[in-house]
PDB file of N, CA and C in Angstrom:
ATOM      1  N   MET A   1      10.480  -0.261  25.243  1.00  0.00           N
ATOM      2  CA  MET A   1       9.993  -1.088  24.145  1.00  0.00           C
ATOM      3  C   MET A   1      10.930  -0.969  22.950  1.00  0.00           C
ATOM      4  N   TYR A   2      11.138   0.265  22.505  1.00  0.00           N
ATOM      5  CA  TYR A   2      11.952   0.465  21.312  1.00  0.00           C
ATOM      6  C   TYR A   2      13.402   0.067  21.562  1.00  0.00           C
ATOM      7  N   LYS A   3      13.922   0.375  22.760  1.00  0.00           N
ATOM      8  CA  LYS A   3      15.321   0.060  23.045  1.00  0.00           C
ATOM      9  C   LYS A   3      15.561  -1.442  23.025  1.00  0.00           C
ATOM     10  N   SER A   4      14.624  -2.223  23.542  1.00  0.00           N
ATOM     11  CA  SER A   4      14.820  -3.665  23.585  1.00  0.00           C
ATOM     12  C   SER A   4      14.730  -4.282  22.185  1.00  0.00           C
ATOM     13  N   VAL A   5      13.911  -3.685  21.335  1.00  0.00           N
ATOM     14  CA  VAL A   5      13.741  -4.231  19.988  1.00  0.00           C
ATOM     15  C   VAL A   5      14.870  -3.781  19.070  1.00  0.00           C
ATOM     16  N   LYS A   6      15.465  -2.651  19.392  1.00  0.00           N
ATOM     17  CA  LYS A   6      16.426  -2.018  18.492  1.00  0.00           C
ATOM     18  C   LYS A   6      17.600  -2.940  18.172  1.00  0.00           C
ATOM     19  N   GLY A   7      18.061  -3.714  19.153  1.00  0.00           N
ATOM     20  CA  GLY A   7      19.214  -4.571  18.922  1.00  0.00           C
ATOM     21  C   GLY A   7      18.912  -5.719  17.970  1.00  0.00           C
ATOM     22  N   THR A   8      17.695  -6.253  18.032  1.00  0.00           N
ATOM     23  CA  THR A   8      17.382  -7.421  17.218  1.00  0.00           C
ATOM     24  C   THR A   8      17.018  -7.035  15.790  1.00  0.00           C
ATOM     25  N   PHE A   9      16.562  -5.819  15.598  1.00  0.00           N
ATOM     26  CA  PHE A   9      16.150  -5.385  14.266  1.00  0.00           C
ATOM     27  C   PHE A   9      17.345  -4.903  13.452  1.00  0.00           C
ATOM     28  N   ARG A  10      17.253  -5.112  12.142  1.00  0.00           N
ATOM     29  CA  ARG A  10      18.142  -4.425  11.208  1.00  0.00           C
ATOM     30  C   ARG A  10      17.282  -3.476  10.393  1.00  0.00           C
ATOM     31  N   TRP A  11      17.834  -2.318  10.074  1.00  0.00           N
ATOM     32  CA  TRP A  11      17.051  -1.324   9.332  1.00  0.00           C
ATOM     33  C   TRP A  11      16.610  -1.869   7.975  1.00  0.00           C
ATOM     34  N   ASN A  12      17.402  -2.795   7.422  1.00  0.00           N
ATOM     35  CA  ASN A  12      17.045  -3.382   6.131  1.00  0.00           C
ATOM     36  C   ASN A  12      15.725  -4.134   6.228  1.00  0.00           C
ATOM     37  N   ASP A  13      15.540  -4.888   7.325  1.00  0.00           N
ATOM     38  CA  ASP A  13      14.288  -5.624   7.512  1.00  0.00           C
ATOM     39  C   ASP A  13      13.116  -4.658   7.608  1.00  0.00           C
ATOM     40  N   ILE A  14      13.312  -3.570   8.324  1.00  0.00           N
ATOM     41  CA  ILE A  14      12.244  -2.581   8.466  1.00  0.00           C
ATOM     42  C   ILE A  14      11.916  -1.973   7.106  1.00  0.00           C
ATOM     43  N   ASP A  15      12.938  -1.671   6.330  1.00  0.00           N
ATOM     44  CA  ASP A  15      12.705  -1.086   5.004  1.00  0.00           C
ATOM     45  C   ASP A  15      11.918  -2.038   4.116  1.00  0.00           C
ATOM     46  N   THR A  16      12.290  -3.322   4.109  1.00  0.00           N
ATOM     47  CA  THR A  16      11.593  -4.262   3.233  1.00  0.00           C
ATOM     48  C   THR A  16      10.146  -4.434   3.664  1.00  0.00           C
ATOM     49  N   SER A  17       9.900  -4.487   4.966  1.00  0.00           N
ATOM     50  CA  SER A  17       8.517  -4.657   5.427  1.00  0.00           C
ATOM     51  C   SER A  17       7.686  -3.424   5.080  1.00  0.00           C
ATOM     52  N   ILE A  18       8.267  -2.239   5.237  1.00  0.00           N
ATOM     53  CA  ILE A  18       7.543  -1.013   4.884  1.00  0.00           C
ATOM     54  C   ILE A  18       7.261  -0.991   3.385  1.00  0.00           C
ATOM     55  N   ASN A  19       8.237  -1.403   2.587  1.00  0.00           N
ATOM     56  CA  ASN A  19       8.032  -1.424   1.137  1.00  0.00           C
ATOM     57  C   ASN A  19       6.913  -2.383   0.757  1.00  0.00           C
ATOM     58  N   GLU A  20       6.868  -3.561   1.408  1.00  0.00           N
ATOM     59  CA  GLU A  20       5.817  -4.524   1.089  1.00  0.00           C
ATOM     60  C   GLU A  20       4.449  -3.974   1.455  1.00  0.00           C
ATOM     61  N   ILE A  21       4.351  -3.360   2.632  1.00  0.00           N
ATOM     62  CA  ILE A  21       3.073  -2.794   3.072  1.00  0.00           C
ATOM     63  C   ILE A  21       2.647  -1.680   2.126  1.00  0.00           C
ATOM     64  N   TRP A  22       3.598  -0.802   1.782  1.00  0.00           N
ATOM     65  CA  TRP A  22       3.294   0.334   0.908  1.00  0.00           C
ATOM     66  C   TRP A  22       2.851  -0.150  -0.468  1.00  0.00           C
ATOM     67  N   ARG A  23       3.539  -1.196  -0.985  1.00  0.00           N
ATOM     68  CA  ARG A  23       3.197  -1.706  -2.307  1.00  0.00           C
ATOM     69  C   ARG A  23       1.795  -2.314  -2.303  1.00  0.00           C
ATOM     70  N   ALA A  24       1.473  -3.068  -1.268  1.00  0.00           N
ATOM     71  CA  ALA A  24       0.145  -3.681  -1.173  1.00  0.00           C
ATOM     72  C   ALA A  24      -0.929  -2.604  -1.075  1.00  0.00           C
ATOM     73  N   PHE A  25      -0.674  -1.588  -0.241  1.00  0.00           N
ATOM     74  CA  PHE A  25      -1.624  -0.491  -0.090  1.00  0.00           C
ATOM     75  C   PHE A  25      -1.807   0.239  -1.412  1.00  0.00           C
ATOM     76  N   PHE A  26      -0.706   0.470  -2.124  1.00  0.00           N
ATOM     77  CA  PHE A  26      -0.766   1.216  -3.373  1.00  0.00           C
ATOM     78  C   PHE A  26      -1.537   0.441  -4.433  1.00  0.00           C
ATOM     79  N   GLN A  27      -1.334  -0.893  -4.483  1.00  0.00           N
ATOM     80  CA  GLN A  27      -2.064  -1.705  -5.453  1.00  0.00           C
ATOM     81  C   GLN A  27      -3.557  -1.675  -5.168  1.00  0.00           C
ATOM     82  N   GLN A  28      -3.935  -1.748  -3.898  1.00  0.00           N
ATOM     83  CA  GLN A  28      -5.346  -1.657  -3.532  1.00  0.00           C
ATOM     84  C   GLN A  28      -5.921  -0.316  -3.973  1.00  0.00           C
ATOM     85  N   TYR A  29      -5.160   0.749  -3.724  1.00  0.00           N
ATOM     86  CA  TYR A  29      -5.625   2.094  -4.058  1.00  0.00           C
ATOM     87  C   TYR A  29      -5.823   2.238  -5.560  1.00  0.00           C
ATOM     88  N   ILE A  30      -4.877   1.734  -6.355  1.00  0.00           N
ATOM     89  CA  ILE A  30      -4.981   1.829  -7.810  1.00  0.00           C
ATOM     90  C   ILE A  30      -6.181   1.029  -8.303  1.00  0.00           C
ATOM     91  N   ARG A  31      -6.414  -0.151  -7.697  1.00  0.00           N
ATOM     92  CA  ARG A  31      -7.540  -0.976  -8.119  1.00  0.00           C
ATOM     93  C   ARG A  31      -8.859  -0.253  -7.842  1.00  0.00           C
ATOM     94  N   LEU A  32      -8.974   0.340  -6.663  1.00  0.00           N
ATOM     95  CA  LEU A  32     -10.191   1.084  -6.335  1.00  0.00           C
ATOM     96  C   LEU A  32     -10.365   2.272  -7.271  1.00  0.00           C
ATOM     97  N   PHE A  33      -9.257   2.947  -7.573  1.00  0.00           N
ATOM     98  CA  PHE A  33      -9.312   4.121  -8.433  1.00  0.00           C
ATOM     99  C   PHE A  33      -9.786   3.743  -9.831  1.00  0.00           C
ATOM    100  N   ARG A  34      -9.286   2.609 -10.358  1.00  0.00           N
ATOM    101  CA  ARG A  34      -9.711   2.162 -11.684  1.00  0.00           C
ATOM    102  C   ARG A  34     -11.188   1.813 -11.694  1.00  0.00           C
ATOM    103  N   GLN A  35     -11.640   1.102 -10.667  1.00  0.00           N
ATOM    104  CA  GLN A  35     -13.056   0.737 -10.601  1.00  0.00           C
ATOM    105  C   GLN A  35     -13.919   1.989 -10.546  1.00  0.00           C
ATOM    106  N   TYR A  36     -13.478   2.983  -9.780  1.00  0.00           N
ATOM    107  CA  TYR A  36     -14.232   4.231  -9.667  1.00  0.00           C
ATOM    108  C   TYR A  36     -14.309   4.938 -11.015  1.00  0.00           C
ATOM    109  N   ASN A  37     -13.190   4.997 -11.732  1.00  0.00           N
ATOM    110  CA  ASN A  37     -13.187   5.658 -13.039  1.00  0.00           C
ATOM    111  C   ASN A  37     -14.051   4.908 -14.045  1.00  0.00           C
ATOM    112  N   LEU A  38     -13.998   3.577 -14.023  1.00  0.00           N
ATOM    113  CA  LEU A  38     -14.840   2.807 -14.925  1.00  0.00           C
ATOM    114  C   LEU A  38     -16.310   3.059 -14.623  1.00  0.00           C
ATOM    115  N   HIS A  39     -16.643   3.137 -13.365  1.00  0.00           N
ATOM    116  CA  HIS A  39     -18.030   3.398 -12.973  1.00  0.00           C
ATOM    117  C   HIS A  39     -18.467   4.782 -13.456  1.00  0.00           C
ATOM    118  N   LYS A  40     -17.598   5.760 -13.328  1.00  0.00           N
ATOM    119  CA  LYS A  40     -17.930   7.112 -13.802  1.00  0.00           C
ATOM    120  C   LYS A  40     -18.146   7.108 -15.317  1.00  0.00           C
ATOM    121  N   LEU A  41     -17.281   6.407 -16.052  1.00  0.00           N
ATOM    122  CA  LEU A  41     -17.429   6.375 -17.503  1.00  0.00           C
ATOM    123  C   LEU A  41     -18.740   5.707 -17.899  1.00  0.00           C
ATOM    124  N   LYS A  42     -19.081   4.597 -17.220  1.00  0.00           N
ATOM    125  CA  LYS A  42     -20.317   3.893 -17.556  1.00  0.00           C
ATOM    126  C   LYS A  42     -21.524   4.778 -17.294  1.00  0.00           C
ATOM    127  N   THR A  43     -21.534   5.468 -16.170  1.00  0.00           N
ATOM    128  CA  THR A  43     -22.697   6.289 -15.846  1.00  0.00           C
ATOM    129  C   THR A  43     -22.759   7.510 -16.760  1.00  0.00           C
ATOM    130  N   ARG A  44     -21.613   7.981 -17.217  1.00  0.00           N
ATOM    131  CA  ARG A  44     -21.605   9.174 -18.057  1.00  0.00           C
ATOM    132  C   ARG A  44     -22.138   8.866 -19.453  1.00  0.00           C
ATOM    133  N   TYR A  45     -21.759   7.704 -20.011  1.00  0.00           N
ATOM    134  CA  TYR A  45     -22.103   7.425 -21.403  1.00  0.00           C
ATOM    135  C   TYR A  45     -23.315   6.528 -21.567  1.00  0.00           C
ATOM    136  N   SER A  46     -23.946   6.117 -20.492  1.00  0.00           N
ATOM    137  CA  SER A  46     -25.096   5.229 -20.635  1.00  0.00           C
ATOM    138  C   SER A  46     -26.376   6.046 -20.830  1.00  0.00           C
TER     139      SER A  46
END
């Protein structure tokens, strides 16, 4: 599997796809983290 794909792939393409996936995952994580912190602040001061 890997040997047959290796010729058609360039490492640059793999790097860009990994970066896009990582960036999307990180943005989701930050959004969830902010919502969680806002929820904690609301419950603490209400």
